[in-house]
Amino acid sequence: MTLSIHLPQSVEQALNSYCASHAISQGEAIEQALTQFLSAQEPPPNPYELGQAGFGADETHVGDIARNSKQLLRQKFRGESAG
């Protein structure tokens, strides 16, 4: 895609300096900057998404964990198998 934009002189000078020091074209520099800017705009993952990989990772319990939580905790602290 071709895009034409007007840059303030100070921004254009900074872009030229950056491109010269990094040996890249203006197009490459602008593409990198936009990619970084747009990826930062994505919302961060919510708590569920962050923990999703760990849900159910401990597959040692069967049955209703909520109803048997006291028993399961006792077994865990005593080092017993939850079977």
PDB file of N, CA and C in Angstrom:
ATOM      1  N   MET A   1       0.844  -1.175   0.000  1.00  0.00           N
ATOM      2  CA  MET A   1       0.000   0.000   0.000  1.00  0.00           C
ATOM      3  C   MET A   1       0.887   1.234   0.000  1.00  0.00           C
ATOM      4  N   THR A   2       0.572   2.165  -0.802  1.00  0.00           N
ATOM      5  CA  THR A   2       1.292   3.423  -0.865  1.00  0.00           C
ATOM      6  C   THR A   2       0.538   4.448  -0.037  1.00  0.00           C
ATOM      7  N   LEU A   3       1.289   5.216   0.731  1.00  0.00           N
ATOM      8  CA  LEU A   3       0.686   6.209   1.612  1.00  0.00           C
ATOM      9  C   LEU A   3       1.544   7.463   1.581  1.00  0.00           C
ATOM     10  N   SER A   4       0.922   8.596   1.454  1.00  0.00           N
ATOM     11  CA  SER A   4       1.633   9.875   1.487  1.00  0.00           C
ATOM     12  C   SER A   4       1.208  10.633   2.732  1.00  0.00           C
ATOM     13  N   ILE A   5       2.191  11.132   3.482  1.00  0.00           N
ATOM     14  CA  ILE A   5       1.885  11.911   4.685  1.00  0.00           C
ATOM     15  C   ILE A   5       2.792  13.133   4.728  1.00  0.00           C
ATOM     16  N   HIS A   6       2.348  14.138   5.426  1.00  0.00           N
ATOM     17  CA  HIS A   6       3.154  15.341   5.628  1.00  0.00           C
ATOM     18  C   HIS A   6       3.705  15.272   7.052  1.00  0.00           C
ATOM     19  N   LEU A   7       5.024  15.335   7.177  1.00  0.00           N
ATOM     20  CA  LEU A   7       5.663  15.304   8.487  1.00  0.00           C
ATOM     21  C   LEU A   7       6.214  16.683   8.818  1.00  0.00           C
ATOM     22  N   PRO A   8       6.141  17.071  10.053  1.00  0.00           N
ATOM     23  CA  PRO A   8       6.814  18.301  10.450  1.00  0.00           C
ATOM     24  C   PRO A   8       8.321  18.153  10.183  1.00  0.00           C
ATOM     25  N   GLN A   9       8.984  19.253   9.929  1.00  0.00           N
ATOM     26  CA  GLN A   9      10.399  19.218   9.564  1.00  0.00           C
ATOM     27  C   GLN A   9      11.243  18.531  10.641  1.00  0.00           C
ATOM     28  N   SER A  10      10.929  18.769  11.900  1.00  0.00           N
ATOM     29  CA  SER A  10      11.710  18.158  12.982  1.00  0.00           C
ATOM     30  C   SER A  10      11.557  16.640  12.987  1.00  0.00           C
ATOM     31  N   VAL A  11      10.363  16.157  12.694  1.00  0.00           N
ATOM     32  CA  VAL A  11      10.122  14.711  12.649  1.00  0.00           C
ATOM     33  C   VAL A  11      10.832  14.113  11.440  1.00  0.00           C
ATOM     34  N   GLU A  12      10.773  14.798  10.315  1.00  0.00           N
ATOM     35  CA  GLU A  12      11.447  14.310   9.119  1.00  0.00           C
ATOM     36  C   GLU A  12      12.954  14.226   9.334  1.00  0.00           C
ATOM     37  N   GLN A  13      13.525  15.224   9.984  1.00  0.00           N
ATOM     38  CA  GLN A  13      14.962  15.200  10.274  1.00  0.00           C
ATOM     39  C   GLN A  13      15.314  14.052  11.212  1.00  0.00           C
ATOM     40  N   ALA A  14      14.492  13.838  12.227  1.00  0.00           N
ATOM     41  CA  ALA A  14      14.736  12.739  13.158  1.00  0.00           C
ATOM     42  C   ALA A  14      14.619  11.397  12.449  1.00  0.00           C
ATOM     43  N   LEU A  15      13.647  11.277  11.551  1.00  0.00           N
ATOM     44  CA  LEU A  15      13.475  10.044  10.783  1.00  0.00           C
ATOM     45  C   LEU A  15      14.683   9.798   9.888  1.00  0.00           C
ATOM     46  N   ASN A  16      15.144  10.839   9.197  1.00  0.00           N
ATOM     47  CA  ASN A  16      16.317  10.694   8.333  1.00  0.00           C
ATOM     48  C   ASN A  16      17.543  10.279   9.136  1.00  0.00           C
ATOM     49  N   SER A  17      17.717  10.880  10.288  1.00  0.00           N
ATOM     50  CA  SER A  17      18.856  10.545  11.147  1.00  0.00           C
ATOM     51  C   SER A  17      18.771   9.100  11.629  1.00  0.00           C
ATOM     52  N   TYR A  18      17.580   8.697  12.044  1.00  0.00           N
ATOM     53  CA  TYR A  18      17.375   7.323  12.519  1.00  0.00           C
ATOM     54  C   TYR A  18      17.669   6.319  11.400  1.00  0.00           C
ATOM     55  N   CYS A  19      17.141   6.588  10.224  1.00  0.00           N
ATOM     56  CA  CYS A  19      17.328   5.680   9.090  1.00  0.00           C
ATOM     57  C   CYS A  19      18.803   5.571   8.707  1.00  0.00           C
ATOM     58  N   ALA A  20      19.511   6.681   8.728  1.00  0.00           N
ATOM     59  CA  ALA A  20      20.932   6.659   8.382  1.00  0.00           C
ATOM     60  C   ALA A  20      21.730   5.865   9.415  1.00  0.00           C
ATOM     61  N   SER A  21      21.419   6.050  10.690  1.00  0.00           N
ATOM     62  CA  SER A  21      22.182   5.361  11.733  1.00  0.00           C
ATOM     63  C   SER A  21      21.852   3.873  11.822  1.00  0.00           C
ATOM     64  N   HIS A  22      20.660   3.478  11.365  1.00  0.00           N
ATOM     65  CA  HIS A  22      20.260   2.070  11.417  1.00  0.00           C
ATOM     66  C   HIS A  22      20.313   1.389  10.046  1.00  0.00           C
ATOM     67  N   ALA A  23      20.735   2.124   9.039  1.00  0.00           N
ATOM     68  CA  ALA A  23      20.867   1.597   7.675  1.00  0.00           C
ATOM     69  C   ALA A  23      19.581   0.934   7.175  1.00  0.00           C
ATOM     70  N   ILE A  24      18.463   1.643   7.369  1.00  0.00           N
ATOM     71  CA  ILE A  24      17.176   1.161   6.866  1.00  0.00           C
ATOM     72  C   ILE A  24      16.492   2.290   6.110  1.00  0.00           C
ATOM     73  N   SER A  25      15.508   1.935   5.294  1.00  0.00           N
ATOM     74  CA  SER A  25      14.770   2.940   4.534  1.00  0.00           C
ATOM     75  C   SER A  25      13.715   3.596   5.425  1.00  0.00           C
ATOM     76  N   GLN A  26      13.225   4.730   4.958  1.00  0.00           N
ATOM     77  CA  GLN A  26      12.158   5.407   5.690  1.00  0.00           C
ATOM     78  C   GLN A  26      10.921   4.516   5.792  1.00  0.00           C
ATOM     79  N   GLY A  27      10.620   3.816   4.707  1.00  0.00           N
ATOM     80  CA  GLY A  27       9.462   2.918   4.715  1.00  0.00           C
ATOM     81  C   GLY A  27       9.587   1.833   5.767  1.00  0.00           C
ATOM     82  N   GLU A  28      10.797   1.246   5.867  1.00  0.00           N
ATOM     83  CA  GLU A  28      11.013   0.204   6.878  1.00  0.00           C
ATOM     84  C   GLU A  28      10.870   0.768   8.288  1.00  0.00           C
ATOM     85  N   ALA A  29      11.438   1.953   8.511  1.00  0.00           N
ATOM     86  CA  ALA A  29      11.363   2.572   9.836  1.00  0.00           C
ATOM     87  C   ALA A  29       9.914   2.876  10.212  1.00  0.00           C
ATOM     88  N   ILE A  30       9.168   3.419   9.268  1.00  0.00           N
ATOM     89  CA  ILE A  30       7.768   3.755   9.542  1.00  0.00           C
ATOM     90  C   ILE A  30       6.939   2.493   9.766  1.00  0.00           C
ATOM     91  N   GLU A  31       7.203   1.450   8.981  1.00  0.00           N
ATOM     92  CA  GLU A  31       6.477   0.188   9.163  1.00  0.00           C
ATOM     93  C   GLU A  31       6.761  -0.398  10.545  1.00  0.00           C
ATOM     94  N   GLN A  32       8.017  -0.388  10.964  1.00  0.00           N
ATOM     95  CA  GLN A  32       8.380  -0.901  12.292  1.00  0.00           C
ATOM     96  C   GLN A  32       7.691  -0.088  13.392  1.00  0.00           C
ATOM     97  N   ALA A  33       7.708   1.227  13.233  1.00  0.00           N
ATOM     98  CA  ALA A  33       7.095   2.092  14.241  1.00  0.00           C
ATOM     99  C   ALA A  33       5.592   1.858  14.341  1.00  0.00           C
ATOM    100  N   LEU A  34       4.929   1.749  13.193  1.00  0.00           N
ATOM    101  CA  LEU A  34       3.482   1.515  13.200  1.00  0.00           C
ATOM    102  C   LEU A  34       3.126   0.148  13.763  1.00  0.00           C
ATOM    103  N   THR A  35       3.915  -0.854  13.411  1.00  0.00           N
ATOM    104  CA  THR A  35       3.672  -2.202  13.939  1.00  0.00           C
ATOM    105  C   THR A  35       3.784  -2.203  15.460  1.00  0.00           C
ATOM    106  N   GLN A  36       4.827  -1.565  15.973  1.00  0.00           N
ATOM    107  CA  GLN A  36       5.015  -1.501  17.420  1.00  0.00           C
ATOM    108  C   GLN A  36       3.885  -0.699  18.076  1.00  0.00           C
ATOM    109  N   PHE A  37       3.525   0.418  17.490  1.00  0.00           N
ATOM    110  CA  PHE A  37       2.462   1.263  18.037  1.00  0.00           C
ATOM    111  C   PHE A  37       1.130   0.528  18.069  1.00  0.00           C
ATOM    112  N   LEU A  38       0.788  -0.139  16.978  1.00  0.00           N
ATOM    113  CA  LEU A  38      -0.504  -0.814  16.894  1.00  0.00           C
ATOM    114  C   LEU A  38      -0.573  -2.044  17.783  1.00  0.00           C
ATOM    115  N   SER A  39       0.531  -2.754  17.949  1.00  0.00           N
ATOM    116  CA  SER A  39       0.506  -3.925  18.829  1.00  0.00           C
ATOM    117  C   SER A  39       0.354  -3.495  20.282  1.00  0.00           C
ATOM    118  N   ALA A  40       0.853  -2.312  20.616  1.00  0.00           N
ATOM    119  CA  ALA A  40       0.708  -1.807  21.983  1.00  0.00           C
ATOM    120  C   ALA A  40      -0.722  -1.367  22.257  1.00  0.00           C
ATOM    121  N   GLN A  41      -1.516  -1.164  21.229  1.00  0.00           N
ATOM    122  CA  GLN A  41      -2.887  -0.716  21.381  1.00  0.00           C
ATOM    123  C   GLN A  41      -3.854  -1.859  21.676  1.00  0.00           C
ATOM    124  N   GLU A  42      -3.402  -3.108  21.503  1.00  0.00           N
ATOM    125  CA  GLU A  42      -4.270  -4.247  21.768  1.00  0.00           C
ATOM    126  C   GLU A  42      -4.494  -4.350  23.276  1.00  0.00           C
ATOM    127  N   PRO A  43      -5.703  -4.669  23.688  1.00  0.00           N
ATOM    128  CA  PRO A  43      -5.956  -4.755  25.127  1.00  0.00           C
ATOM    129  C   PRO A  43      -5.157  -5.899  25.746  1.00  0.00           C
ATOM    130  N   PRO A  44      -4.700  -5.707  26.959  1.00  0.00           N
ATOM    131  CA  PRO A  44      -3.955  -6.786  27.615  1.00  0.00           C
ATOM    132  C   PRO A  44      -4.881  -7.963  27.910  1.00  0.00           C
ATOM    133  N   PRO A  45      -4.342  -9.148  28.034  1.00  0.00           N
ATOM    134  CA  PRO A  45      -5.205 -10.296  28.334  1.00  0.00           C
ATOM    135  C   PRO A  45      -5.854 -10.137  29.703  1.00  0.00           C
ATOM    136  N   ASN A  46      -7.068 -10.645  29.826  1.00  0.00           N
ATOM    137  CA  ASN A  46      -7.757 -10.570  31.113  1.00  0.00           C
ATOM    138  C   ASN A  46      -7.241 -11.690  32.023  1.00  0.00           C
ATOM    139  N   PRO A  47      -7.591 -11.661  33.310  1.00  0.00           N
ATOM    140  CA  PRO A  47      -7.085 -12.671  34.238  1.00  0.00           C
ATOM    141  C   PRO A  47      -7.403 -14.106  33.804  1.00  0.00           C
ATOM    142  N   TYR A  48      -8.578 -14.323  33.244  1.00  0.00           N
ATOM    143  CA  TYR A  48      -8.924 -15.673  32.790  1.00  0.00           C
ATOM    144  C   TYR A  48      -7.970 -16.134  31.689  1.00  0.00           C
ATOM    145  N   GLU A  49      -7.712 -15.262  30.719  1.00  0.00           N
ATOM    146  CA  GLU A  49      -6.815 -15.616  29.619  1.00  0.00           C
ATOM    147  C   GLU A  49      -5.405 -15.874  30.126  1.00  0.00           C
ATOM    148  N   LEU A  50      -4.959 -15.096  31.113  1.00  0.00           N
ATOM    149  CA  LEU A  50      -3.621 -15.291  31.662  1.00  0.00           C
ATOM    150  C   LEU A  50      -3.478 -16.642  32.365  1.00  0.00           C
ATOM    151  N   GLY A  51      -4.505 -17.063  33.064  1.00  0.00           N
ATOM    152  CA  GLY A  51      -4.418 -18.302  33.831  1.00  0.00           C
ATOM    153  C   GLY A  51      -4.944 -19.532  33.127  1.00  0.00           C
ATOM    154  N   GLN A  52      -5.504 -19.359  31.943  1.00  0.00           N
ATOM    155  CA  GLN A  52      -6.177 -20.444  31.248  1.00  0.00           C
ATOM    156  C   GLN A  52      -5.287 -21.677  31.054  1.00  0.00           C
ATOM    157  N   ALA A  53      -4.021 -21.473  30.749  1.00  0.00           N
ATOM    158  CA  ALA A  53      -3.129 -22.610  30.507  1.00  0.00           C
ATOM    159  C   ALA A  53      -2.945 -23.470  31.757  1.00  0.00           C
ATOM    160  N   GLY A  54      -3.099 -22.865  32.928  1.00  0.00           N
ATOM    161  CA  GLY A  54      -2.900 -23.619  34.166  1.00  0.00           C
ATOM    162  C   GLY A  54      -4.157 -24.243  34.727  1.00  0.00           C
ATOM    163  N   PHE A  55      -5.311 -23.890  34.214  1.00  0.00           N
ATOM    164  CA  PHE A  55      -6.554 -24.449  34.738  1.00  0.00           C
ATOM    165  C   PHE A  55      -6.599 -25.943  34.458  1.00  0.00           C
ATOM    166  N   GLY A  56      -6.788 -26.708  35.486  1.00  0.00           N
ATOM    167  CA  GLY A  56      -6.871 -28.148  35.324  1.00  0.00           C
ATOM    168  C   GLY A  56      -5.512 -28.813  35.196  1.00  0.00           C
ATOM    169  N   ALA A  57      -4.441 -28.046  35.379  1.00  0.00           N
ATOM    170  CA  ALA A  57      -3.101 -28.615  35.239  1.00  0.00           C
ATOM    171  C   ALA A  57      -2.839 -29.654  36.328  1.00  0.00           C
ATOM    172  N   ASP A  58      -3.420 -29.439  37.512  1.00  0.00           N
ATOM    173  CA  ASP A  58      -3.268 -30.391  38.599  1.00  0.00           C
ATOM    174  C   ASP A  58      -4.422 -31.378  38.509  1.00  0.00           C
ATOM    175  N   GLU A  59      -4.210 -32.459  37.819  1.00  0.00           N
ATOM    176  CA  GLU A  59      -5.274 -33.427  37.563  1.00  0.00           C
ATOM    177  C   GLU A  59      -5.307 -34.550  38.597  1.00  0.00           C
ATOM    178  N   THR A  60      -4.840 -34.240  39.812  1.00  0.00           N
ATOM    179  CA  THR A  60      -4.806 -35.268  40.843  1.00  0.00           C
ATOM    180  C   THR A  60      -6.135 -35.422  41.565  1.00  0.00           C
ATOM    181  N   HIS A  61      -7.045 -34.481  41.402  1.00  0.00           N
ATOM    182  CA  HIS A  61      -8.312 -34.540  42.114  1.00  0.00           C
ATOM    183  C   HIS A  61      -9.425 -34.978  41.181  1.00  0.00           C
ATOM    184  N   VAL A  62     -10.299 -35.790  41.727  1.00  0.00           N
ATOM    185  CA  VAL A  62     -11.489 -36.187  40.982  1.00  0.00           C
ATOM    186  C   VAL A  62     -12.703 -35.874  41.846  1.00  0.00           C
ATOM    187  N   GLY A  63     -13.824 -35.770  41.241  1.00  0.00           N
ATOM    188  CA  GLY A  63     -15.044 -35.503  41.985  1.00  0.00           C
ATOM    189  C   GLY A  63     -15.246 -34.028  42.225  1.00  0.00           C
ATOM    190  N   ASP A  64     -16.056 -33.735  43.209  1.00  0.00           N
ATOM    191  CA  ASP A  64     -16.426 -32.364  43.527  1.00  0.00           C
ATOM    192  C   ASP A  64     -15.393 -31.759  44.475  1.00  0.00           C
ATOM    193  N   ILE A  65     -14.480 -30.986  43.918  1.00  0.00           N
ATOM    194  CA  ILE A  65     -13.408 -30.405  44.713  1.00  0.00           C
ATOM    195  C   ILE A  65     -13.974 -29.415  45.720  1.00  0.00           C
ATOM    196  N   ALA A  66     -14.995 -28.671  45.359  1.00  0.00           N
ATOM    197  CA  ALA A  66     -15.568 -27.677  46.264  1.00  0.00           C
ATOM    198  C   ALA A  66     -16.144 -28.346  47.510  1.00  0.00           C
ATOM    199  N   ARG A  67     -16.868 -29.456  47.328  1.00  0.00           N
ATOM    200  CA  ARG A  67     -17.460 -30.138  48.479  1.00  0.00           C
ATOM    201  C   ARG A  67     -16.423 -30.840  49.335  1.00  0.00           C
ATOM    202  N   ASN A  68     -15.375 -31.281  48.716  1.00  0.00           N
ATOM    203  CA  ASN A  68     -14.358 -32.063  49.429  1.00  0.00           C
ATOM    204  C   ASN A  68     -13.093 -31.257  49.721  1.00  0.00           C
ATOM    205  N   SER A  69     -13.204 -29.936  49.704  1.00  0.00           N
ATOM    206  CA  SER A  69     -12.011 -29.105  49.843  1.00  0.00           C
ATOM    207  C   SER A  69     -11.286 -29.321  51.170  1.00  0.00           C
ATOM    208  N   LYS A  70     -12.021 -29.452  52.282  1.00  0.00           N
ATOM    209  CA  LYS A  70     -11.359 -29.657  53.576  1.00  0.00           C
ATOM    210  C   LYS A  70     -10.589 -30.970  53.585  1.00  0.00           C
ATOM    211  N   GLN A  71     -11.215 -32.005  53.091  1.00  0.00           N
ATOM    212  CA  GLN A  71     -10.559 -33.310  53.044  1.00  0.00           C
ATOM    213  C   GLN A  71      -9.339 -33.270  52.123  1.00  0.00           C
ATOM    214  N   LEU A  72      -9.480 -32.648  50.967  1.00  0.00           N
ATOM    215  CA  LEU A  72      -8.370 -32.566  50.024  1.00  0.00           C
ATOM    216  C   LEU A  72      -7.206 -31.761  50.594  1.00  0.00           C
ATOM    217  N   LEU A  73      -7.516 -30.674  51.309  1.00  0.00           N
ATOM    218  CA  LEU A  73      -6.453 -29.884  51.931  1.00  0.00           C
ATOM    219  C   LEU A  73      -5.747 -30.668  53.026  1.00  0.00           C
ATOM    220  N   ARG A  74      -6.507 -31.384  53.845  1.00  0.00           N
ATOM    221  CA  ARG A  74      -5.884 -32.220  54.873  1.00  0.00           C
ATOM    222  C   ARG A  74      -4.940 -33.241  54.236  1.00  0.00           C
ATOM    223  N   GLN A  75      -5.418 -33.888  53.179  1.00  0.00           N
ATOM    224  CA  GLN A  75      -4.583 -34.872  52.488  1.00  0.00           C
ATOM    225  C   GLN A  75      -3.330 -34.231  51.918  1.00  0.00           C
ATOM    226  N   LYS A  76      -3.480 -33.054  51.377  1.00  0.00           N
ATOM    227  CA  LYS A  76      -2.347 -32.353  50.775  1.00  0.00           C
ATOM    228  C   LYS A  76      -1.308 -32.014  51.839  1.00  0.00           C
ATOM    229  N   PHE A  77      -1.751 -31.486  52.980  1.00  0.00           N
ATOM    230  CA  PHE A  77      -0.824 -31.112  54.034  1.00  0.00           C
ATOM    231  C   PHE A  77      -0.198 -32.318  54.722  1.00  0.00           C
ATOM    232  N   ARG A  78      -0.887 -33.441  54.737  1.00  0.00           N
ATOM    233  CA  ARG A  78      -0.322 -34.667  55.319  1.00  0.00           C
ATOM    234  C   ARG A  78       0.555 -35.422  54.337  1.00  0.00           C
ATOM    235  N   GLY A  79       0.527 -34.977  53.062  1.00  0.00           N
ATOM    236  CA  GLY A  79       1.341 -35.641  52.054  1.00  0.00           C
ATOM    237  C   GLY A  79       0.708 -36.918  51.520  1.00  0.00           C
ATOM    238  N   GLU A  80      -0.581 -37.056  51.713  1.00  0.00           N
ATOM    239  CA  GLU A  80      -1.283 -38.237  51.255  1.00  0.00           C
ATOM    240  C   GLU A  80      -1.703 -38.073  49.802  1.00  0.00           C
ATOM    241  N   SER A  81      -1.904 -39.168  49.139  1.00  0.00           N
ATOM    242  CA  SER A  81      -2.416 -39.154  47.770  1.00  0.00           C
ATOM    243  C   SER A  81      -3.895 -38.842  47.809  1.00  0.00           C
ATOM    244  N   ALA A  82      -4.355 -38.067  46.853  1.00  0.00           N
ATOM    245  CA  ALA A  82      -5.772 -37.689  46.793  1.00  0.00           C
ATOM    246  C   ALA A  82      -6.502 -38.659  45.899  1.00  0.00           C
ATOM    247  N   GLY A  83      -6.602 -39.867  46.249  1.00  0.00           N
ATOM    248  CA  GLY A  83      -7.234 -40.837  45.372  1.00  0.00           C
ATOM    249  C   GLY A  83      -8.427 -41.427  45.881  1.00  0.00           C
TER     250      GLY A  83
END
